[in-house]
Amino acid sequence: MRLFPALPRLVLLAVLSRSAVRAHDPGESWTMVTLLTDRLELELTMAQVTALQLSGAPFDTPYLAPDNFDAYRARLKTCAEKLYIVTSVRTPLKPQRIDVTLTEEGDITFKLAYPHPAAGRLHFFATFLTKLGEGFGGNIDVSFQSGKDLGWDQIAYDRPNFEVTVPAAVPPPPPTKT
């Protein structure tokens, strides 16, 4: 029977299809946090209608596309710093760099770079979820540049906090292929 060898591909296709659909759900978001040797990078992706709501854009704002995105980039960047409160061992981290991009699917990705956190508790408070209200949520995933996972969870309006423990030694980045 040839169905069994195709089963892993079908499962992968189902997972990928679900992720693509979720990215367009106005109530869902996805946060990927990567701990590098010199900094912490946070990428938050959400539907543009949700991002525009957080930025205070007027309700009659047109659909964002590559030809008009730059007109709204500054407004989106202004709200980016307030999307999360990131705390390392009870010390708030301030973003050192902020960028906002429009994905091919029309979603908005906020990219923030923070100083490298200290060893110990690393706390994320998703303030954007408390502003959006009930029914909004998403996932947060924290990992090292090497790919080693530190933790992940679902976050929501009523559960906007997530915490991991940063070890004293950060795993080295993956080897480069030559």
Protein backbone atom coordinates (compact mmCIF):
# COMPACT_ATOMS: atom_id res chain seq x y z
CA MET A 1 0.00 0.00 0.00
CA ARG A 2 1.53 3.33 -1.06
CA LEU A 3 -0.50 5.54 1.31
CA PHE A 4 1.81 5.05 4.30
CA PRO A 5 4.96 6.52 2.66
CA ALA A 6 2.91 9.59 1.67
CA LEU A 7 1.54 10.05 5.20
CA PRO A 8 4.44 12.21 6.49
CA ARG A 9 4.07 14.50 3.47
CA LEU A 10 0.32 14.82 4.06
CA VAL A 11 0.88 15.71 7.72
CA LEU A 12 3.51 18.31 6.74
CA LEU A 13 1.15 19.78 4.13
CA ALA A 14 -1.66 20.00 6.70
CA VAL A 15 0.61 21.77 9.20
CA LEU A 16 1.90 24.23 6.59
CA SER A 17 -1.60 24.93 5.31
CA ARG A 18 -2.85 25.62 8.82
CA SER A 19 0.01 28.05 9.47
CA ALA A 20 -0.71 29.97 6.28
CA VAL A 21 -4.39 30.27 7.15
CA ARG A 22 -3.64 31.30 10.74
CA ALA A 23 -1.43 34.18 9.60
CA HIS A 24 -4.49 35.87 8.08
CA ASP A 25 -6.75 35.41 11.11
CA PRO A 26 -7.09 38.90 12.66
CA GLY A 27 -7.22 37.36 16.14
CA GLU A 28 -3.97 35.39 15.84
CA SER A 29 -0.31 36.35 16.03
CA TRP A 30 3.00 34.55 15.93
CA THR A 31 6.08 35.64 17.90
CA MET A 32 9.49 34.14 17.19
CA VAL A 33 12.27 35.10 19.61
CA THR A 34 15.87 34.19 18.82
CA LEU A 35 18.67 34.50 21.33
CA LEU A 36 21.92 35.25 19.50
CA THR A 37 25.37 35.61 21.03
CA ASP A 38 25.15 39.43 21.10
CA ARG A 39 21.41 40.25 21.13
CA LEU A 40 17.84 39.06 21.32
CA GLU A 41 15.68 39.33 18.20
CA LEU A 42 11.89 39.33 18.38
CA GLU A 43 9.65 38.98 15.31
CA LEU A 44 5.92 39.42 15.76
CA THR A 45 3.65 38.73 12.77
CA MET A 46 -0.05 39.57 12.70
CA ALA A 47 -2.83 40.46 10.28
CA GLN A 48 -2.49 43.99 8.95
CA VAL A 49 -5.97 44.97 10.16
CA THR A 50 -4.83 44.12 13.70
CA ALA A 51 -1.49 45.94 13.33
CA LEU A 52 -3.24 49.02 11.97
CA GLN A 53 -5.70 48.94 14.87
CA LEU A 54 -2.79 48.89 17.33
CA SER A 55 -1.11 51.78 15.51
CA GLY A 56 -4.21 53.95 15.80
CA ALA A 57 -4.64 54.19 12.03
CA PRO A 58 -8.05 55.47 10.88
CA PHE A 59 -10.70 52.83 10.14
CA ASP A 60 -10.78 53.88 6.48
CA THR A 61 -7.06 53.05 5.97
CA PRO A 62 -6.70 51.27 2.62
CA TYR A 63 -5.39 47.73 2.32
CA LEU A 64 -1.60 47.92 2.59
CA ALA A 65 0.42 46.74 -0.38
CA PRO A 66 4.01 47.33 -1.50
CA ASP A 67 3.03 50.54 -3.32
CA ASN A 68 1.50 52.27 -0.24
CA PHE A 69 3.19 50.52 2.71
CA ASP A 70 5.89 53.17 3.21
CA ALA A 71 3.19 55.75 3.97
CA TYR A 72 2.22 53.73 7.10
CA ARG A 73 5.63 52.32 8.12
CA ALA A 74 6.46 55.18 10.56
CA ARG A 75 3.08 54.83 12.32
CA LEU A 76 3.62 51.07 12.68
CA LYS A 77 7.22 51.52 13.91
CA THR A 78 6.01 53.93 16.59
CA CYS A 79 3.68 51.33 18.08
CA ALA A 80 6.24 48.49 17.76
CA GLU A 81 8.20 49.37 20.91
CA LYS A 82 5.04 49.00 23.01
CA LEU A 83 3.92 45.59 21.70
CA TYR A 84 5.90 43.65 24.32
CA ILE A 85 7.57 44.45 27.61
CA VAL A 86 10.69 42.26 27.70
CA THR A 87 12.34 41.90 31.10
CA SER A 88 15.65 40.21 31.86
CA VAL A 89 16.07 39.34 35.55
CA ARG A 90 13.56 42.10 36.42
CA THR A 91 15.34 44.69 34.27
CA PRO A 92 13.32 45.99 31.28
CA LEU A 93 15.12 45.70 27.94
CA LYS A 94 14.67 48.52 25.45
CA PRO A 95 14.72 47.82 21.70
CA GLN A 96 17.94 48.92 20.01
CA ARG A 97 16.55 48.50 16.51
CA ILE A 98 13.00 48.36 15.13
CA ASP A 99 11.81 47.53 11.63
CA VAL A 100 8.38 46.78 10.17
CA THR A 101 7.78 44.82 6.99
CA LEU A 102 4.84 43.74 4.87
CA THR A 103 4.84 40.00 4.14
CA GLU A 104 3.96 38.50 0.78
CA GLU A 105 0.62 37.43 2.31
CA GLY A 106 -0.16 41.02 3.34
CA ASP A 107 0.52 40.52 7.06
CA ILE A 108 2.69 42.85 9.13
CA THR A 109 5.93 41.72 10.78
CA PHE A 110 7.47 43.77 13.54
CA LYS A 111 11.20 43.09 13.99
CA LEU A 112 12.85 44.27 17.20
CA ALA A 113 16.42 43.76 18.40
CA TYR A 114 17.16 43.99 22.12
CA PRO A 115 20.40 43.81 24.11
CA HIS A 116 21.48 40.30 25.07
CA PRO A 117 19.61 39.26 28.23
CA ALA A 118 21.40 38.21 31.40
CA ALA A 119 21.35 34.61 32.57
CA GLY A 120 18.17 33.96 34.54
CA ARG A 121 14.50 34.78 34.07
CA LEU A 122 13.51 36.28 30.73
CA HIS A 123 9.92 37.52 30.82
CA PHE A 124 7.65 38.58 27.95
CA PHE A 125 4.46 40.56 28.59
CA ALA A 126 2.36 40.83 25.42
CA THR A 127 0.87 44.28 26.02
CA PHE A 128 -0.63 44.26 22.53
CA LEU A 129 -2.99 41.45 23.56
CA THR A 130 -4.30 43.42 26.54
CA LYS A 131 -4.97 46.36 24.20
CA LEU A 132 -6.78 44.22 21.63
CA GLY A 133 -9.07 42.49 24.11
CA GLU A 134 -10.75 39.16 24.46
CA GLY A 135 -10.54 36.79 21.51
CA PHE A 136 -6.99 37.76 20.54
CA GLY A 137 -4.05 35.44 21.04
CA GLY A 138 -1.14 33.71 19.44
CA ASN A 139 1.99 31.70 19.96
CA ILE A 140 5.40 32.64 21.28
CA ASP A 141 8.50 30.56 20.63
CA VAL A 142 11.92 31.29 22.15
CA SER A 143 15.04 29.54 20.88
CA PHE A 144 18.77 29.95 20.49
CA GLN A 145 20.36 30.78 17.15
CA SER A 146 21.61 27.19 17.16
CA GLY A 147 17.99 26.04 16.98
CA LYS A 148 17.87 24.73 20.56
CA ASP A 149 14.45 25.50 21.98
CA LEU A 150 14.09 27.46 25.24
CA GLY A 151 10.31 27.22 25.33
CA TRP A 152 7.04 28.08 23.66
CA ASP A 153 3.42 28.56 24.62
CA GLN A 154 0.11 29.99 23.57
CA ILE A 155 -0.59 33.50 24.80
CA ALA A 156 -3.91 35.30 24.89
CA TYR A 157 -5.72 38.34 26.19
CA ASP A 158 -6.21 36.62 29.56
CA ARG A 159 -2.71 34.97 29.50
CA PRO A 160 -0.31 37.61 28.09
CA ASN A 161 2.77 36.51 30.08
CA PHE A 162 5.47 34.05 29.10
CA GLU A 163 8.77 33.29 30.77
CA VAL A 164 11.87 31.21 30.06
CA THR A 165 15.18 30.78 31.84
CA VAL A 166 18.31 31.87 29.99
CA PRO A 167 21.29 29.67 30.90
CA ALA A 168 24.66 31.18 31.78
CA ALA A 169 26.26 29.74 28.63
CA VAL A 170 24.62 30.39 25.26
CA PRO A 171 25.03 27.55 22.75
CA PRO A 172 27.24 28.50 19.81
CA PRO A 173 25.59 29.36 16.49
CA PRO A 174 25.25 26.52 13.98
CA PRO A 175 28.33 25.88 11.85
CA THR A 176 28.40 27.67 8.52
CA LYS A 177 28.43 25.56 5.40
CA THR A 178 31.30 26.21 3.06
